[in-house]
């Protein structure tokens, strides 16, 4: 059976928002920890033309996998020629 998990990521500038959202999702039973994970990213790993010394710090929270959240996923993605494409919900 299909299920879906969400990874929500925000820059450290929005740390109050991501921490607040994480507490709400934790209290509702959608994630395992009260604290989001701090991740370090370099855009140069994706695009070699960018400055490799430019590093971003983000907070990431990941929910558990649920079949009941598939309707949210299906609102944003649809299949075109066997490939999932992002769309804006109706």
N, C-alpha and C. Protein backbone atom coordinates (compact mmCIF):
# COMPACT_ATOMS: atom_id res chain seq x y z
N UNK A 1 0.84 -1.18 0.00
CA UNK A 1 0.00 0.00 0.00
C UNK A 1 0.88 1.25 0.00
N UNK A 2 0.51 2.24 -0.77
CA UNK A 2 1.27 3.48 -0.85
C UNK A 2 1.11 4.30 0.41
N UNK A 3 2.17 5.03 0.74
CA UNK A 3 2.12 5.99 1.85
C UNK A 3 3.01 7.16 1.48
N UNK A 4 2.91 8.22 2.24
CA UNK A 4 3.67 9.43 1.94
C UNK A 4 4.26 10.00 3.22
N UNK A 5 5.44 10.58 3.08
CA UNK A 5 6.14 11.25 4.18
C UNK A 5 6.55 12.62 3.66
N UNK A 6 6.49 13.62 4.53
CA UNK A 6 6.85 14.98 4.13
C UNK A 6 8.14 15.40 4.81
N UNK A 7 9.02 16.05 4.04
CA UNK A 7 10.22 16.69 4.56
C UNK A 7 10.01 18.18 4.36
N UNK A 8 9.99 18.92 5.44
CA UNK A 8 9.78 20.36 5.38
C UNK A 8 11.07 21.01 5.83
N UNK A 9 11.57 21.94 5.01
CA UNK A 9 12.86 22.55 5.28
C UNK A 9 12.75 24.06 5.21
N UNK A 10 13.34 24.73 6.18
CA UNK A 10 13.35 26.19 6.23
C UNK A 10 14.74 26.66 6.62
N UNK A 11 15.13 27.84 6.12
CA UNK A 11 16.40 28.43 6.49
C UNK A 11 16.39 28.85 7.95
N UNK A 12 17.58 29.08 8.51
CA UNK A 12 17.68 29.44 9.92
C UNK A 12 16.97 30.76 10.22
N UNK A 13 16.77 31.61 9.20
CA UNK A 13 16.02 32.85 9.42
C UNK A 13 14.60 32.54 9.87
N UNK A 14 14.06 31.41 9.45
CA UNK A 14 12.70 31.00 9.78
C UNK A 14 12.67 29.92 10.86
N UNK A 15 13.66 29.93 11.73
CA UNK A 15 13.77 28.87 12.73
C UNK A 15 12.59 28.86 13.70
N UNK A 16 12.04 30.02 14.05
CA UNK A 16 10.89 30.05 14.96
C UNK A 16 9.70 29.33 14.33
N UNK A 17 9.48 29.55 13.03
CA UNK A 17 8.37 28.90 12.33
C UNK A 17 8.55 27.39 12.30
N UNK A 18 9.71 26.91 11.89
CA UNK A 18 9.92 25.48 11.73
C UNK A 18 9.88 24.77 13.09
N UNK A 19 10.37 25.41 14.13
CA UNK A 19 10.30 24.82 15.47
C UNK A 19 8.85 24.75 15.96
N UNK A 20 8.09 25.80 15.72
CA UNK A 20 6.69 25.82 16.11
C UNK A 20 5.90 24.74 15.36
N UNK A 21 6.12 24.65 14.05
CA UNK A 21 5.46 23.63 13.24
C UNK A 21 5.84 22.23 13.71
N UNK A 22 7.11 22.04 14.04
CA UNK A 22 7.57 20.74 14.50
C UNK A 22 6.90 20.34 15.81
N UNK A 23 6.73 21.28 16.74
CA UNK A 23 6.06 20.99 18.00
C UNK A 23 4.61 20.58 17.75
N UNK A 24 3.94 21.30 16.86
CA UNK A 24 2.55 20.95 16.53
C UNK A 24 2.47 19.55 15.94
N UNK A 25 3.32 19.25 14.94
CA UNK A 25 3.29 17.93 14.31
C UNK A 25 3.68 16.83 15.29
N UNK A 26 4.62 17.11 16.19
CA UNK A 26 5.01 16.13 17.20
C UNK A 26 3.84 15.83 18.14
N UNK A 27 3.17 16.88 18.61
CA UNK A 27 2.04 16.70 19.52
C UNK A 27 0.87 15.96 18.86
N UNK A 28 0.74 16.10 17.54
CA UNK A 28 -0.31 15.39 16.80
C UNK A 28 0.09 13.96 16.44
N UNK A 29 1.36 13.61 16.70
CA UNK A 29 1.83 12.26 16.42
C UNK A 29 2.32 12.05 15.01
N UNK A 30 2.64 13.13 14.29
CA UNK A 30 3.09 13.00 12.91
C UNK A 30 4.61 12.90 12.76
N UNK A 31 5.38 13.20 13.81
CA UNK A 31 6.83 13.07 13.72
C UNK A 31 7.39 12.59 15.05
N UNK A 32 8.66 12.17 15.04
CA UNK A 32 9.23 11.48 16.19
C UNK A 32 9.97 12.37 17.17
N UNK A 33 10.44 13.52 16.75
CA UNK A 33 11.23 14.35 17.65
C UNK A 33 10.64 15.74 17.77
N UNK A 34 10.96 16.38 18.87
CA UNK A 34 10.49 17.74 19.10
C UNK A 34 11.41 18.75 18.40
N UNK A 35 12.62 18.35 18.06
CA UNK A 35 13.60 19.26 17.49
C UNK A 35 13.89 18.92 16.03
N UNK A 36 13.74 19.90 15.12
CA UNK A 36 14.11 19.64 13.73
C UNK A 36 15.62 19.49 13.59
N UNK A 37 16.05 18.82 12.55
CA UNK A 37 17.47 18.57 12.31
C UNK A 37 18.09 19.76 11.58
N UNK A 38 19.27 20.19 12.02
CA UNK A 38 20.01 21.24 11.33
C UNK A 38 20.83 20.61 10.22
N UNK A 39 20.64 21.07 8.98
CA UNK A 39 21.38 20.53 7.84
C UNK A 39 22.18 21.64 7.18
N UNK A 40 23.33 21.28 6.65
CA UNK A 40 24.21 22.22 5.96
C UNK A 40 24.19 21.88 4.49
N UNK A 41 23.98 22.90 3.66
CA UNK A 41 23.89 22.66 2.21
C UNK A 41 24.82 23.60 1.46
N UNK A 42 25.36 23.08 0.37
CA UNK A 42 26.17 23.88 -0.54
C UNK A 42 25.53 23.78 -1.91
N UNK A 43 25.16 24.91 -2.47
CA UNK A 43 24.54 24.92 -3.80
C UNK A 43 25.54 24.45 -4.87
N UNK A 44 26.82 24.55 -4.59
CA UNK A 44 27.84 24.16 -5.57
C UNK A 44 27.82 22.66 -5.84
N UNK A 45 27.27 21.86 -4.91
CA UNK A 45 27.17 20.42 -5.15
C UNK A 45 26.18 20.13 -6.27
N UNK A 46 25.18 21.01 -6.41
CA UNK A 46 24.16 20.84 -7.44
C UNK A 46 24.59 21.53 -8.74
N UNK A 47 25.10 22.74 -8.62
CA UNK A 47 25.48 23.55 -9.78
C UNK A 47 26.94 23.94 -9.65
N UNK A 48 27.81 23.35 -10.46
CA UNK A 48 29.26 23.55 -10.36
C UNK A 48 29.68 25.00 -10.67
N UNK A 49 28.77 25.80 -11.25
CA UNK A 49 29.11 27.19 -11.57
C UNK A 49 29.06 28.09 -10.34
N UNK A 50 28.44 27.62 -9.26
CA UNK A 50 28.27 28.44 -8.07
C UNK A 50 29.48 28.36 -7.15
N UNK A 51 29.61 29.34 -6.29
CA UNK A 51 30.71 29.44 -5.34
C UNK A 51 30.65 28.30 -4.32
N UNK A 52 31.68 27.44 -4.25
CA UNK A 52 31.65 26.31 -3.33
C UNK A 52 31.75 26.72 -1.86
N UNK A 53 32.17 27.96 -1.59
CA UNK A 53 32.28 28.42 -0.21
C UNK A 53 30.95 28.94 0.33
N UNK A 54 29.96 29.09 -0.56
CA UNK A 54 28.64 29.56 -0.15
C UNK A 54 27.85 28.41 0.45
N UNK A 55 27.61 28.48 1.74
CA UNK A 55 26.96 27.40 2.47
C UNK A 55 25.71 27.94 3.16
N UNK A 56 24.64 27.14 3.11
CA UNK A 56 23.38 27.51 3.77
C UNK A 56 23.12 26.54 4.91
N UNK A 57 22.48 27.06 5.96
CA UNK A 57 22.06 26.24 7.09
C UNK A 57 20.53 26.25 7.13
N UNK A 58 19.97 25.06 7.14
CA UNK A 58 18.51 24.91 7.17
C UNK A 58 18.12 23.98 8.30
N UNK A 59 16.86 24.13 8.72
CA UNK A 59 16.25 23.16 9.63
C UNK A 59 15.30 22.29 8.83
N UNK A 60 15.35 20.98 9.08
CA UNK A 60 14.50 20.04 8.36
C UNK A 60 13.72 19.19 9.36
N UNK A 61 12.43 19.07 9.11
CA UNK A 61 11.64 18.12 9.88
C UNK A 61 11.02 17.13 8.91
N UNK A 62 10.95 15.89 9.36
CA UNK A 62 10.43 14.81 8.53
C UNK A 62 9.32 14.11 9.30
N UNK A 63 8.19 13.93 8.63
CA UNK A 63 7.06 13.25 9.27
C UNK A 63 7.21 11.74 9.10
N UNK A 64 6.40 11.01 9.85
CA UNK A 64 6.28 9.58 9.61
C UNK A 64 5.58 9.37 8.27
N UNK A 65 5.61 8.16 7.77
CA UNK A 65 4.88 7.82 6.55
C UNK A 65 3.45 7.45 6.91
N UNK A 66 2.50 8.03 6.16
CA UNK A 66 1.08 7.77 6.41
C UNK A 66 0.35 7.56 5.09
N UNK A 67 -0.58 6.62 5.09
CA UNK A 67 -1.45 6.46 3.92
C UNK A 67 -2.51 7.55 3.91
N UNK A 68 -2.86 8.07 5.08
CA UNK A 68 -3.91 9.08 5.18
C UNK A 68 -3.49 10.43 4.61
N UNK A 69 -2.20 10.62 4.33
CA UNK A 69 -1.73 11.89 3.78
C UNK A 69 -1.57 11.85 2.26
N UNK A 70 -1.93 10.72 1.64
CA UNK A 70 -1.79 10.60 0.18
C UNK A 70 -2.60 11.65 -0.57
N UNK A 71 -3.74 12.07 -0.04
CA UNK A 71 -4.57 13.07 -0.71
C UNK A 71 -3.81 14.38 -0.87
N UNK A 72 -2.93 14.72 0.08
CA UNK A 72 -2.14 15.95 -0.03
C UNK A 72 -1.13 15.79 -1.16
N UNK A 73 -0.43 14.66 -1.18
CA UNK A 73 0.54 14.38 -2.23
C UNK A 73 -0.13 14.40 -3.60
N UNK A 74 -1.28 13.74 -3.70
CA UNK A 74 -2.00 13.67 -4.98
C UNK A 74 -2.53 15.03 -5.42
N UNK A 75 -2.67 15.97 -4.51
CA UNK A 75 -3.08 17.33 -4.88
C UNK A 75 -1.96 18.08 -5.59
N UNK A 76 -0.71 17.70 -5.32
CA UNK A 76 0.43 18.42 -5.88
C UNK A 76 1.14 17.69 -7.02
N UNK A 77 0.90 16.39 -7.18
CA UNK A 77 1.60 15.62 -8.21
C UNK A 77 0.60 14.80 -9.02
N UNK A 78 0.89 14.69 -10.32
CA UNK A 78 0.09 13.82 -11.17
C UNK A 78 1.03 13.15 -12.17
N UNK A 79 0.58 12.03 -12.72
CA UNK A 79 1.43 11.24 -13.61
C UNK A 79 1.22 11.66 -15.06
N UNK A 80 2.35 11.92 -15.76
CA UNK A 80 2.34 12.26 -17.18
C UNK A 80 3.34 11.34 -17.86
N UNK A 81 2.85 10.47 -18.72
CA UNK A 81 3.70 9.51 -19.44
C UNK A 81 4.59 8.70 -18.50
N UNK A 82 4.03 8.27 -17.38
CA UNK A 82 4.77 7.44 -16.43
C UNK A 82 5.69 8.19 -15.50
N UNK A 83 5.70 9.53 -15.56
CA UNK A 83 6.58 10.33 -14.71
C UNK A 83 5.71 11.25 -13.84
N UNK A 84 6.04 11.35 -12.55
CA UNK A 84 5.29 12.22 -11.65
C UNK A 84 5.73 13.66 -11.86
N UNK A 85 4.76 14.54 -12.13
CA UNK A 85 5.01 15.96 -12.36
C UNK A 85 4.29 16.78 -11.30
N UNK A 86 4.95 17.85 -10.86
CA UNK A 86 4.33 18.74 -9.88
C UNK A 86 3.30 19.61 -10.54
N UNK A 87 2.18 19.89 -9.82
CA UNK A 87 1.14 20.75 -10.35
C UNK A 87 0.61 21.64 -9.22
N UNK A 88 -0.07 22.69 -9.58
CA UNK A 88 -0.71 23.55 -8.60
C UNK A 88 -2.10 22.99 -8.34
N UNK A 89 -2.46 22.80 -7.05
CA UNK A 89 -3.78 22.22 -6.77
C UNK A 89 -4.92 23.07 -7.29
N UNK A 90 -6.04 22.41 -7.60
CA UNK A 90 -7.22 23.10 -8.09
C UNK A 90 -7.89 23.89 -6.99
